[in-house]
Amino acid sequence: KLVGALLVSCVIGVGISYYAFLCRASVSATSFTVIGNVSKI
């Protein structure tokens, strides 16, 4: 369970690193913050 959770977090970590920078470059800082907030539904 520990190893599985760690592996899944690494895979998603690569994705969020890429898309976070791509999104920051595409919208304003406030919009980026709001997008992150809305996604938490």
PDB file of all heavy atoms in Angstrom:
ATOM      1  N   LYS A   1       0.826  -1.204   0.000  1.00  0.00           N
ATOM      2  CA  LYS A   1       0.000   0.000   0.000  1.00  0.00           C
ATOM      3  C   LYS A   1       0.860   1.253   0.000  1.00  0.00           C
ATOM      4  O   LYS A   1       0.591   2.214  -0.726  1.00  0.00           O
ATOM      5  CB  LYS A   1      -0.933   0.007   1.216  1.00  0.00           C
ATOM      6  CG  LYS A   1      -2.040  -1.040   1.154  1.00  0.00           C
ATOM      7  CD  LYS A   1      -2.966  -0.922   2.352  1.00  0.00           C
ATOM      8  CE  LYS A   1      -4.096  -1.937   2.279  1.00  0.00           C
ATOM      9  NZ  LYS A   1      -5.005  -1.837   3.454  1.00  0.00           N
ATOM     10  N   LEU A   2       1.916   1.252   0.815  1.00  0.00           N
ATOM     11  CA  LEU A   2       2.814   2.412   0.879  1.00  0.00           C
ATOM     12  C   LEU A   2       3.500   2.613  -0.468  1.00  0.00           C
ATOM     13  O   LEU A   2       3.528   3.734  -1.000  1.00  0.00           O
ATOM     14  CB  LEU A   2       3.848   2.199   1.988  1.00  0.00           C
ATOM     15  CG  LEU A   2       4.787   3.358   2.336  1.00  0.00           C
ATOM     16  CD1 LEU A   2       5.304   3.195   3.759  1.00  0.00           C
ATOM     17  CD2 LEU A   2       5.968   3.437   1.386  1.00  0.00           C
ATOM     18  N   VAL A   3       4.061   1.546  -1.022  1.00  0.00           N
ATOM     19  CA  VAL A   3       4.771   1.653  -2.299  1.00  0.00           C
ATOM     20  C   VAL A   3       3.813   2.062  -3.415  1.00  0.00           C
ATOM     21  O   VAL A   3       4.147   2.893  -4.276  1.00  0.00           O
ATOM     22  CB  VAL A   3       5.462   0.312  -2.641  1.00  0.00           C
ATOM     23  CG1 VAL A   3       6.085   0.373  -4.037  1.00  0.00           C
ATOM     24  CG2 VAL A   3       6.535  -0.005  -1.599  1.00  0.00           C
ATOM     25  N   GLY A   4       2.606   1.497  -3.414  1.00  0.00           N
ATOM     26  CA  GLY A   4       1.628   1.853  -4.442  1.00  0.00           C
ATOM     27  C   GLY A   4       1.239   3.311  -4.388  1.00  0.00           C
ATOM     28  O   GLY A   4       1.181   3.990  -5.429  1.00  0.00           O
ATOM     29  N   ALA A   5       0.974   3.825  -3.169  1.00  0.00           N
ATOM     30  CA  ALA A   5       0.628   5.238  -3.031  1.00  0.00           C
ATOM     31  C   ALA A   5       1.771   6.134  -3.493  1.00  0.00           C
ATOM     32  O   ALA A   5       1.552   7.168  -4.133  1.00  0.00           O
ATOM     33  CB  ALA A   5       0.262   5.548  -1.580  1.00  0.00           C
ATOM     34  N   LEU A   6       2.997   5.727  -3.181  1.00  0.00           N
ATOM     35  CA  LEU A   6       4.168   6.504  -3.581  1.00  0.00           C
ATOM     36  C   LEU A   6       4.316   6.534  -5.100  1.00  0.00           C
ATOM     37  O   LEU A   6       4.584   7.591  -5.692  1.00  0.00           O
ATOM     38  CB  LEU A   6       5.416   5.914  -2.931  1.00  0.00           C
ATOM     39  CG  LEU A   6       6.722   6.699  -3.067  1.00  0.00           C
ATOM     40  CD1 LEU A   6       6.582   8.090  -2.460  1.00  0.00           C
ATOM     41  CD2 LEU A   6       7.861   5.945  -2.403  1.00  0.00           C
ATOM     42  N   LEU A   7       4.131   5.394  -5.747  1.00  0.00           N
ATOM     43  CA  LEU A   7       4.259   5.322  -7.204  1.00  0.00           C
ATOM     44  C   LEU A   7       3.191   6.162  -7.903  1.00  0.00           C
ATOM     45  O   LEU A   7       3.473   6.880  -8.869  1.00  0.00           O
ATOM     46  CB  LEU A   7       4.183   3.866  -7.668  1.00  0.00           C
ATOM     47  CG  LEU A   7       5.384   2.973  -7.319  1.00  0.00           C
ATOM     48  CD1 LEU A   7       5.120   1.533  -7.743  1.00  0.00           C
ATOM     49  CD2 LEU A   7       6.653   3.501  -7.975  1.00  0.00           C
ATOM     50  N   VAL A   8       1.953   6.052  -7.422  1.00  0.00           N
ATOM     51  CA  VAL A   8       0.869   6.839  -8.031  1.00  0.00           C
ATOM     52  C   VAL A   8       1.135   8.331  -7.871  1.00  0.00           C
ATOM     53  O   VAL A   8       0.930   9.130  -8.800  1.00  0.00           O
ATOM     54  CB  VAL A   8      -0.489   6.456  -7.410  1.00  0.00           C
ATOM     55  CG1 VAL A   8      -1.585   7.406  -7.894  1.00  0.00           C
ATOM     56  CG2 VAL A   8      -0.852   5.023  -7.756  1.00  0.00           C
ATOM     57  N   SER A   9       1.620   8.738  -6.694  1.00  0.00           N
ATOM     58  CA  SER A   9       1.911  10.153  -6.472  1.00  0.00           C
ATOM     59  C   SER A   9       3.012  10.646  -7.402  1.00  0.00           C
ATOM     60  O   SER A   9       2.998  11.800  -7.844  1.00  0.00           O
ATOM     61  CB  SER A   9       2.306  10.389  -5.008  1.00  0.00           C
ATOM     62  OG  SER A   9       3.612   9.917  -4.731  1.00  0.00           O
ATOM     63  N   CYS A  10       3.968   9.778  -7.742  1.00  0.00           N
ATOM     64  CA  CYS A  10       5.050  10.172  -8.657  1.00  0.00           C
ATOM     65  C   CYS A  10       4.523  10.379 -10.077  1.00  0.00           C
ATOM     66  O   CYS A  10       4.913  11.324 -10.766  1.00  0.00           O
ATOM     67  CB  CYS A  10       6.149   9.105  -8.654  1.00  0.00           C
ATOM     68  SG  CYS A  10       7.130   9.059  -7.147  1.00  0.00           S
ATOM     69  N   VAL A  11       3.647   9.480 -10.518  1.00  0.00           N
ATOM     70  CA  VAL A  11       3.076   9.610 -11.862  1.00  0.00           C
ATOM     71  C   VAL A  11       2.277  10.905 -11.987  1.00  0.00           C
ATOM     72  O   VAL A  11       2.434  11.669 -12.943  1.00  0.00           O
ATOM     73  CB  VAL A  11       2.181   8.388 -12.183  1.00  0.00           C
ATOM     74  CG1 VAL A  11       1.431   8.608 -13.498  1.00  0.00           C
ATOM     75  CG2 VAL A  11       3.022   7.121 -12.256  1.00  0.00           C
ATOM     76  N   ILE A  12       1.422  11.163 -11.009  1.00  0.00           N
ATOM     77  CA  ILE A  12       0.626  12.388 -11.047  1.00  0.00           C
ATOM     78  C   ILE A  12       1.531  13.606 -10.869  1.00  0.00           C
ATOM     79  O   ILE A  12       1.266  14.671 -11.433  1.00  0.00           O
ATOM     80  CB  ILE A  12      -0.462  12.353  -9.964  1.00  0.00           C
ATOM     81  CG1 ILE A  12      -1.409  11.177 -10.207  1.00  0.00           C
ATOM     82  CG2 ILE A  12      -1.263  13.661  -9.950  1.00  0.00           C
ATOM     83  CD1 ILE A  12      -2.478  11.017  -9.149  1.00  0.00           C
ATOM     84  N   GLY A  13       2.628  13.449 -10.117  1.00  0.00           N
ATOM     85  CA  GLY A  13       3.560  14.550  -9.932  1.00  0.00           C
ATOM     86  C   GLY A  13       4.168  15.024 -11.229  1.00  0.00           C
ATOM     87  O   GLY A  13       4.345  16.233 -11.447  1.00  0.00           O
ATOM     88  N   VAL A  14       4.507  14.097 -12.131  1.00  0.00           N
ATOM     89  CA  VAL A  14       5.031  14.485 -13.448  1.00  0.00           C
ATOM     90  C   VAL A  14       3.977  15.272 -14.218  1.00  0.00           C
ATOM     91  O   VAL A  14       4.265  16.320 -14.814  1.00  0.00           O
ATOM     92  CB  VAL A  14       5.464  13.248 -14.258  1.00  0.00           C
ATOM     93  CG1 VAL A  14       5.907  13.667 -15.657  1.00  0.00           C
ATOM     94  CG2 VAL A  14       6.599  12.504 -13.553  1.00  0.00           C
ATOM     95  N   GLY A  15       2.740  14.785 -14.187  1.00  0.00           N
ATOM     96  CA  GLY A  15       1.667  15.453 -14.913  1.00  0.00           C
ATOM     97  C   GLY A  15       1.372  16.837 -14.383  1.00  0.00           C
ATOM     98  O   GLY A  15       1.250  17.796 -15.156  1.00  0.00           O
ATOM     99  N   ILE A  16       1.295  16.976 -13.056  1.00  0.00           N
ATOM    100  CA  ILE A  16       0.955  18.280 -12.508  1.00  0.00           C
ATOM    101  C   ILE A  16       2.092  19.273 -12.699  1.00  0.00           C
ATOM    102  O   ILE A  16       1.869  20.475 -12.888  1.00  0.00           O
ATOM    103  CB  ILE A  16       0.558  18.174 -11.017  1.00  0.00           C
ATOM    104  CG1 ILE A  16      -0.221  19.419 -10.586  1.00  0.00           C
ATOM    105  CG2 ILE A  16       1.759  17.957 -10.115  1.00  0.00           C
ATOM    106  CD1 ILE A  16      -0.853  19.305  -9.222  1.00  0.00           C
ATOM    107  N   SER A  17       3.352  18.804 -12.696  1.00  0.00           N
ATOM    108  CA  SER A  17       4.471  19.697 -12.960  1.00  0.00           C
ATOM    109  C   SER A  17       4.372  20.298 -14.362  1.00  0.00           C
ATOM    110  O   SER A  17       4.549  21.501 -14.558  1.00  0.00           O
ATOM    111  CB  SER A  17       5.804  18.942 -12.813  1.00  0.00           C
ATOM    112  OG  SER A  17       6.028  18.549 -11.489  1.00  0.00           O
ATOM    113  N   TYR A  18       4.071  19.443 -15.335  1.00  0.00           N
ATOM    114  CA  TYR A  18       3.986  19.918 -16.714  1.00  0.00           C
ATOM    115  C   TYR A  18       2.801  20.855 -16.920  1.00  0.00           C
ATOM    116  O   TYR A  18       2.949  21.976 -17.425  1.00  0.00           O
ATOM    117  CB  TYR A  18       3.860  18.730 -17.673  1.00  0.00           C
ATOM    118  CG  TYR A  18       3.678  19.163 -19.110  1.00  0.00           C
ATOM    119  CD1 TYR A  18       4.750  19.597 -19.863  1.00  0.00           C
ATOM    120  CD2 TYR A  18       2.416  19.147 -19.702  1.00  0.00           C
ATOM    121  CE1 TYR A  18       4.589  20.008 -21.180  1.00  0.00           C
ATOM    122  CE2 TYR A  18       2.244  19.552 -21.016  1.00  0.00           C
ATOM    123  CZ  TYR A  18       3.332  19.991 -21.746  1.00  0.00           C
ATOM    124  OH  TYR A  18       3.163  20.407 -23.038  1.00  0.00           O
ATOM    125  N   TYR A  19       1.617  20.405 -16.513  1.00  0.00           N
ATOM    126  CA  TYR A  19       0.421  21.201 -16.784  1.00  0.00           C
ATOM    127  C   TYR A  19       0.349  22.463 -15.937  1.00  0.00           C
ATOM    128  O   TYR A  19      -0.240  23.462 -16.368  1.00  0.00           O
ATOM    129  CB  TYR A  19      -0.828  20.349 -16.582  1.00  0.00           C
ATOM    130  CG  TYR A  19      -1.067  19.386 -17.720  1.00  0.00           C
ATOM    131  CD1 TYR A  19      -0.943  18.013 -17.547  1.00  0.00           C
ATOM    132  CD2 TYR A  19      -1.408  19.859 -18.989  1.00  0.00           C
ATOM    133  CE1 TYR A  19      -1.151  17.128 -18.595  1.00  0.00           C
ATOM    134  CE2 TYR A  19      -1.624  18.979 -20.041  1.00  0.00           C
ATOM    135  CZ  TYR A  19      -1.486  17.626 -19.838  1.00  0.00           C
ATOM    136  OH  TYR A  19      -1.685  16.767 -20.892  1.00  0.00           O
ATOM    137  N   ALA A  20       0.945  22.445 -14.751  1.00  0.00           N
ATOM    138  CA  ALA A  20       0.940  23.657 -13.931  1.00  0.00           C
ATOM    139  C   ALA A  20       1.724  24.767 -14.614  1.00  0.00           C
ATOM    140  O   ALA A  20       1.270  25.920 -14.690  1.00  0.00           O
ATOM    141  CB  ALA A  20       1.523  23.363 -12.549  1.00  0.00           C
ATOM    142  N   PHE A  21       2.915  24.446 -15.138  1.00  0.00           N
ATOM    143  CA  PHE A  21       3.704  25.471 -15.823  1.00  0.00           C
ATOM    144  C   PHE A  21       3.035  25.906 -17.124  1.00  0.00           C
ATOM    145  O   PHE A  21       3.054  27.086 -17.482  1.00  0.00           O
ATOM    146  CB  PHE A  21       5.119  24.959 -16.102  1.00  0.00           C
ATOM    147  CG  PHE A  21       6.049  25.116 -14.938  1.00  0.00           C
ATOM    148  CD1 PHE A  21       6.586  24.013 -14.305  1.00  0.00           C
ATOM    149  CD2 PHE A  21       6.389  26.376 -14.463  1.00  0.00           C
ATOM    150  CE1 PHE A  21       7.434  24.147 -13.218  1.00  0.00           C
ATOM    151  CE2 PHE A  21       7.231  26.529 -13.382  1.00  0.00           C
ATOM    152  CZ  PHE A  21       7.766  25.419 -12.764  1.00  0.00           C
ATOM    153  N   LEU A  22       2.451  24.960 -17.849  1.00  0.00           N
ATOM    154  CA  LEU A  22       1.756  25.310 -19.084  1.00  0.00           C
ATOM    155  C   LEU A  22       0.573  26.226 -18.801  1.00  0.00           C
ATOM    156  O   LEU A  22       0.317  27.194 -19.528  1.00  0.00           O
ATOM    157  CB  LEU A  22       1.274  24.033 -19.788  1.00  0.00           C
ATOM    158  CG  LEU A  22       0.712  24.198 -21.205  1.00  0.00           C
ATOM    159  CD1 LEU A  22       1.789  24.708 -22.150  1.00  0.00           C
ATOM    160  CD2 LEU A  22       0.155  22.859 -21.705  1.00  0.00           C
ATOM    161  N   CYS A  23      -0.149  25.947 -17.717  1.00  0.00           N
ATOM    162  CA  CYS A  23      -1.304  26.759 -17.350  1.00  0.00           C
ATOM    163  C   CYS A  23      -0.868  28.134 -16.855  1.00  0.00           C
ATOM    164  O   CYS A  23      -1.489  29.149 -17.184  1.00  0.00           O
ATOM    165  CB  CYS A  23      -2.122  26.033 -16.280  1.00  0.00           C
ATOM    166  SG  CYS A  23      -3.799  26.664 -16.047  1.00  0.00           S
ATOM    167  N   ARG A  24       0.209  28.198 -16.077  1.00  0.00           N
ATOM    168  CA  ARG A  24       0.715  29.489 -15.599  1.00  0.00           C
ATOM    169  C   ARG A  24       1.094  30.396 -16.763  1.00  0.00           C
ATOM    170  O   ARG A  24       0.903  31.609 -16.706  1.00  0.00           O
ATOM    171  CB  ARG A  24       1.930  29.282 -14.698  1.00  0.00           C
ATOM    172  CG  ARG A  24       1.649  28.719 -13.319  1.00  0.00           C
ATOM    173  CD  ARG A  24       2.950  28.572 -12.536  1.00  0.00           C
ATOM    174  NE  ARG A  24       2.836  27.757 -11.348  1.00  0.00           N
ATOM    175  CZ  ARG A  24       2.496  28.216 -10.150  1.00  0.00           C
ATOM    176  NH1 ARG A  24       2.205  29.487  -9.997  1.00  0.00           N
ATOM    177  NH2 ARG A  24       2.440  27.404  -9.114  1.00  0.00           N
ATOM    178  N   ALA A  25       1.666  29.793 -17.811  1.00  0.00           N
ATOM    179  CA  ALA A  25       2.074  30.581 -18.971  1.00  0.00           C
ATOM    180  C   ALA A  25       0.875  31.050 -19.800  1.00  0.00           C
ATOM    181  O   ALA A  25       0.989  32.008 -20.569  1.00  0.00           O
ATOM    182  CB  ALA A  25       3.021  29.762 -19.850  1.00  0.00           C
ATOM    183  N   SER A  26      -0.274  30.392 -19.628  1.00  0.00           N
ATOM    184  CA  SER A  26      -1.437  30.668 -20.482  1.00  0.00           C
ATOM    185  C   SER A  26      -2.427  31.650 -19.874  1.00  0.00           C
ATOM    186  O   SER A  26      -3.170  32.309 -20.606  1.00  0.00           O
ATOM    187  CB  SER A  26      -2.169  29.359 -20.798  1.00  0.00           C
ATOM    188  OG  SER A  26      -1.310  28.429 -21.429  1.00  0.00           O
ATOM    189  N   VAL A  27      -2.486  31.756 -18.531  1.00  0.00           N
ATOM    190  CA  VAL A  27      -3.487  32.599 -17.873  1.00  0.00           C
ATOM    191  C   VAL A  27      -2.824  33.437 -16.787  1.00  0.00           C
ATOM    192  O   VAL A  27      -1.642  33.251 -16.471  1.00  0.00           O
ATOM    193  CB  VAL A  27      -4.625  31.745 -17.256  1.00  0.00           C
ATOM    194  CG1 VAL A  27      -5.311  30.904 -18.323  1.00  0.00           C
ATOM    195  CG2 VAL A  27      -4.084  30.843 -16.139  1.00  0.00           C
ATOM    196  N   SER A  28      -3.593  34.347 -16.202  1.00  0.00           N
ATOM    197  CA  SER A  28      -3.070  35.193 -15.127  1.00  0.00           C
ATOM    198  C   SER A  28      -2.887  34.391 -13.842  1.00  0.00           C
ATOM    199  O   SER A  28      -3.408  33.283 -13.697  1.00  0.00           O
ATOM    200  CB  SER A  28      -4.030  36.357 -14.860  1.00  0.00           C
ATOM    201  OG  SER A  28      -5.217  35.898 -14.231  1.00  0.00           O
ATOM    202  N   ALA A  29      -2.135  34.968 -12.894  1.00  0.00           N
ATOM    203  CA  ALA A  29      -1.897  34.286 -11.615  1.00  0.00           C
ATOM    204  C   ALA A  29      -3.201  34.060 -10.862  1.00  0.00           C
ATOM    205  O   ALA A  29      -3.414  32.998 -10.253  1.00  0.00           O
ATOM    206  CB  ALA A  29      -0.926  35.106 -10.764  1.00  0.00           C
ATOM    207  N   THR A  30      -4.101  35.048 -10.895  1.00  0.00           N
ATOM    208  CA  THR A  30      -5.377  34.907 -10.192  1.00  0.00           C
ATOM    209  C   THR A  30      -6.242  33.833 -10.848  1.00  0.00           C
ATOM    210  O   THR A  30      -6.851  33.003 -10.169  1.00  0.00           O
ATOM    211  CB  THR A  30      -6.135  36.240 -10.164  1.00  0.00           C
ATOM    212  OG1 THR A  30      -5.260  37.270  -9.712  1.00  0.00           O
ATOM    213  CG2 THR A  30      -7.336  36.163  -9.241  1.00  0.00           C
ATOM    214  N   SER A  31      -6.284  33.830 -12.183  1.00  0.00           N
ATOM    215  CA  SER A  31      -7.063  32.811 -12.886  1.00  0.00           C
ATOM    216  C   SER A  31      -6.510  31.418 -12.627  1.00  0.00           C
ATOM    217  O   SER A  31      -7.264  30.450 -12.451  1.00  0.00           O
ATOM    218  CB  SER A  31      -7.052  33.097 -14.389  1.00  0.00           C
ATOM    219  OG  SER A  31      -7.709  34.310 -14.674  1.00  0.00           O
ATOM    220  N   PHE A  32      -5.185  31.309 -12.590  1.00  0.00           N
ATOM    221  CA  PHE A  32      -4.561  30.024 -12.289  1.00  0.00           C
ATOM    222  C   PHE A  32      -4.982  29.530 -10.907  1.00  0.00           C
ATOM    223  O   PHE A  32      -5.280  28.352 -10.710  1.00  0.00           O
ATOM    224  CB  PHE A  32      -3.040  30.170 -12.356  1.00  0.00           C
ATOM    225  CG  PHE A  32      -2.290  28.917 -12.000  1.00  0.00           C
ATOM    226  CD1 PHE A  32      -2.152  27.881 -12.920  1.00  0.00           C
ATOM    227  CD2 PHE A  32      -1.707  28.771 -10.745  1.00  0.00           C
ATOM    228  CE1 PHE A  32      -1.463  26.721 -12.594  1.00  0.00           C
ATOM    229  CE2 PHE A  32      -1.014  27.620 -10.413  1.00  0.00           C
ATOM    230  CZ  PHE A  32      -0.886  26.596 -11.339  1.00  0.00           C
ATOM    231  N   THR A  33      -5.030  30.454  -9.951  1.00  0.00           N
ATOM    232  CA  THR A  33      -5.457  30.096  -8.599  1.00  0.00           C
ATOM    233  C   THR A  33      -6.906  29.638  -8.582  1.00  0.00           C
ATOM    234  O   THR A  33      -7.261  28.640  -7.948  1.00  0.00           O
ATOM    235  CB  THR A  33      -5.285  31.296  -7.652  1.00  0.00           C
ATOM    236  OG1 THR A  33      -3.957  31.790  -7.748  1.00  0.00           O
ATOM    237  CG2 THR A  33      -5.576  30.910  -6.208  1.00  0.00           C
ATOM    238  N   VAL A  34      -7.767  30.371  -9.295  1.00  0.00           N
ATOM    239  CA  VAL A  34      -9.197  30.019  -9.331  1.00  0.00           C
ATOM    240  C   VAL A  34      -9.409  28.667 -10.011  1.00  0.00           C
ATOM    241  O   VAL A  34     -10.232  27.856  -9.567  1.00  0.00           O
ATOM    242  CB  VAL A  34      -9.988  31.132 -10.048  1.00  0.00           C
ATOM    243  CG1 VAL A  34     -11.438  30.696 -10.276  1.00  0.00           C
ATOM    244  CG2 VAL A  34      -9.952  32.426  -9.243  1.00  0.00           C
ATOM    245  N   ILE A  35      -8.654  28.389 -11.080  1.00  0.00           N
ATOM    246  CA  ILE A  35      -8.774  27.096 -11.760  1.00  0.00           C
ATOM    247  C   ILE A  35      -8.439  25.964 -10.798  1.00  0.00           C
ATOM    248  O   ILE A  35      -9.133  24.939 -10.738  1.00  0.00           O
ATOM    249  CB  ILE A  35      -7.836  27.047 -12.990  1.00  0.00           C
ATOM    250  CG1 ILE A  35      -8.347  28.002 -14.075  1.00  0.00           C
ATOM    251  CG2 ILE A  35      -7.748  25.622 -13.546  1.00  0.00           C
ATOM    252  CD1 ILE A  35      -7.321  28.286 -15.149  1.00  0.00           C
ATOM    253  N   GLY A  36      -7.380  26.146 -10.035  1.00  0.00           N
ATOM    254  CA  GLY A  36      -7.019  25.140  -9.041  1.00  0.00           C
ATOM    255  C   GLY A  36      -8.095  24.952  -7.998  1.00  0.00           C
ATOM    256  O   GLY A  36      -8.365  23.827  -7.550  1.00  0.00           O
ATOM    257  N   ASN A  37      -8.734  26.050  -7.605  1.00  0.00           N
ATOM    258  CA  ASN A  37      -9.797  25.969  -6.603  1.00  0.00           C
ATOM    259  C   ASN A  37     -11.014  25.216  -7.131  1.00  0.00           C
ATOM    260  O   ASN A  37     -11.569  24.335  -6.456  1.00  0.00           O
ATOM    261  CB  ASN A  37     -10.208  27.376  -6.176  1.00  0.00           C
ATOM    262  CG  ASN A  37      -9.109  28.102  -5.424  1.00  0.00           C
ATOM    263  OD1 ASN A  37      -8.145  27.491  -4.974  1.00  0.00           O
ATOM    264  ND2 ASN A  37      -9.247  29.409  -5.291  1.00  0.00           N
ATOM    265  N   VAL A  38     -11.435  25.568  -8.327  1.00  0.00           N
ATOM    266  CA  VAL A  38     -12.629  24.944  -8.902  1.00  0.00           C
ATOM    267  C   VAL A  38     -12.399  23.443  -9.132  1.00  0.00           C
ATOM    268  O   VAL A  38     -13.311  22.627  -8.974  1.00  0.00           O
ATOM    269  CB  VAL A  38     -13.011  25.650 -10.215  1.00  0.00           C
ATOM    270  CG1 VAL A  38     -14.154  24.924 -10.922  1.00  0.00           C
ATOM    271  CG2 VAL A  38     -13.407  27.099  -9.938  1.00  0.00           C
ATOM    272  N   SER A  39     -11.180  23.087  -9.493  1.00  0.00           N
ATOM    273  CA  SER A  39     -10.893  21.675  -9.754  1.00  0.00           C
ATOM    274  C   SER A  39     -11.064  20.810  -8.517  1.00  0.00           C
ATOM    275  O   SER A  39     -11.181  19.579  -8.621  1.00  0.00           O
ATOM    276  CB  SER A  39      -9.459  21.521 -10.273  1.00  0.00           C
ATOM    277  OG  SER A  39      -8.517  21.735  -9.241  1.00  0.00           O
ATOM    278  N   LYS A  40     -11.092  21.433  -7.342  1.00  0.00           N
ATOM    279  CA  LYS A  40     -11.176  20.652  -6.105  1.00  0.00           C
ATOM    280  C   LYS A  40     -12.568  20.065  -5.859  1.00  0.00           C
ATOM    281  O   LYS A  40     -12.760  19.325  -4.897  1.00  0.00           O
ATOM    282  CB  LYS A  40     -10.753  21.510  -4.904  1.00  0.00           C
ATOM    283  CG  LYS A  40      -9.297  21.956  -4.966  1.00  0.00           C
ATOM    284  CD  LYS A  40      -8.366  20.770  -5.122  1.00  0.00           C
ATOM    285  CE  LYS A  40      -6.905  21.176  -5.116  1.00  0.00           C
ATOM    286  NZ  LYS A  40      -6.495  21.909  -6.323  1.00  0.00           N
ATOM    287  N   ILE A  41     -13.552  20.390  -6.706  1.00  0.00           N
ATOM    288  CA  ILE A  41     -14.857  19.725  -6.587  1.00  0.00           C
ATOM    289  C   ILE A  41     -14.679  18.212  -6.714  1.00  0.00           C
ATOM    290  O   ILE A  41     -15.234  17.426  -5.949  1.00  0.00           O
ATOM    291  CB  ILE A  41     -15.833  20.248  -7.665  1.00  0.00           C
ATOM    292  CG1 ILE A  41     -16.183  21.719  -7.393  1.00  0.00           C
ATOM    293  CG2 ILE A  41     -17.098  19.404  -7.698  1.00  0.00           C
ATOM    294  CD1 ILE A  41     -17.088  22.336  -8.433  1.00  0.00           C
TER     295      ILE A  41
END
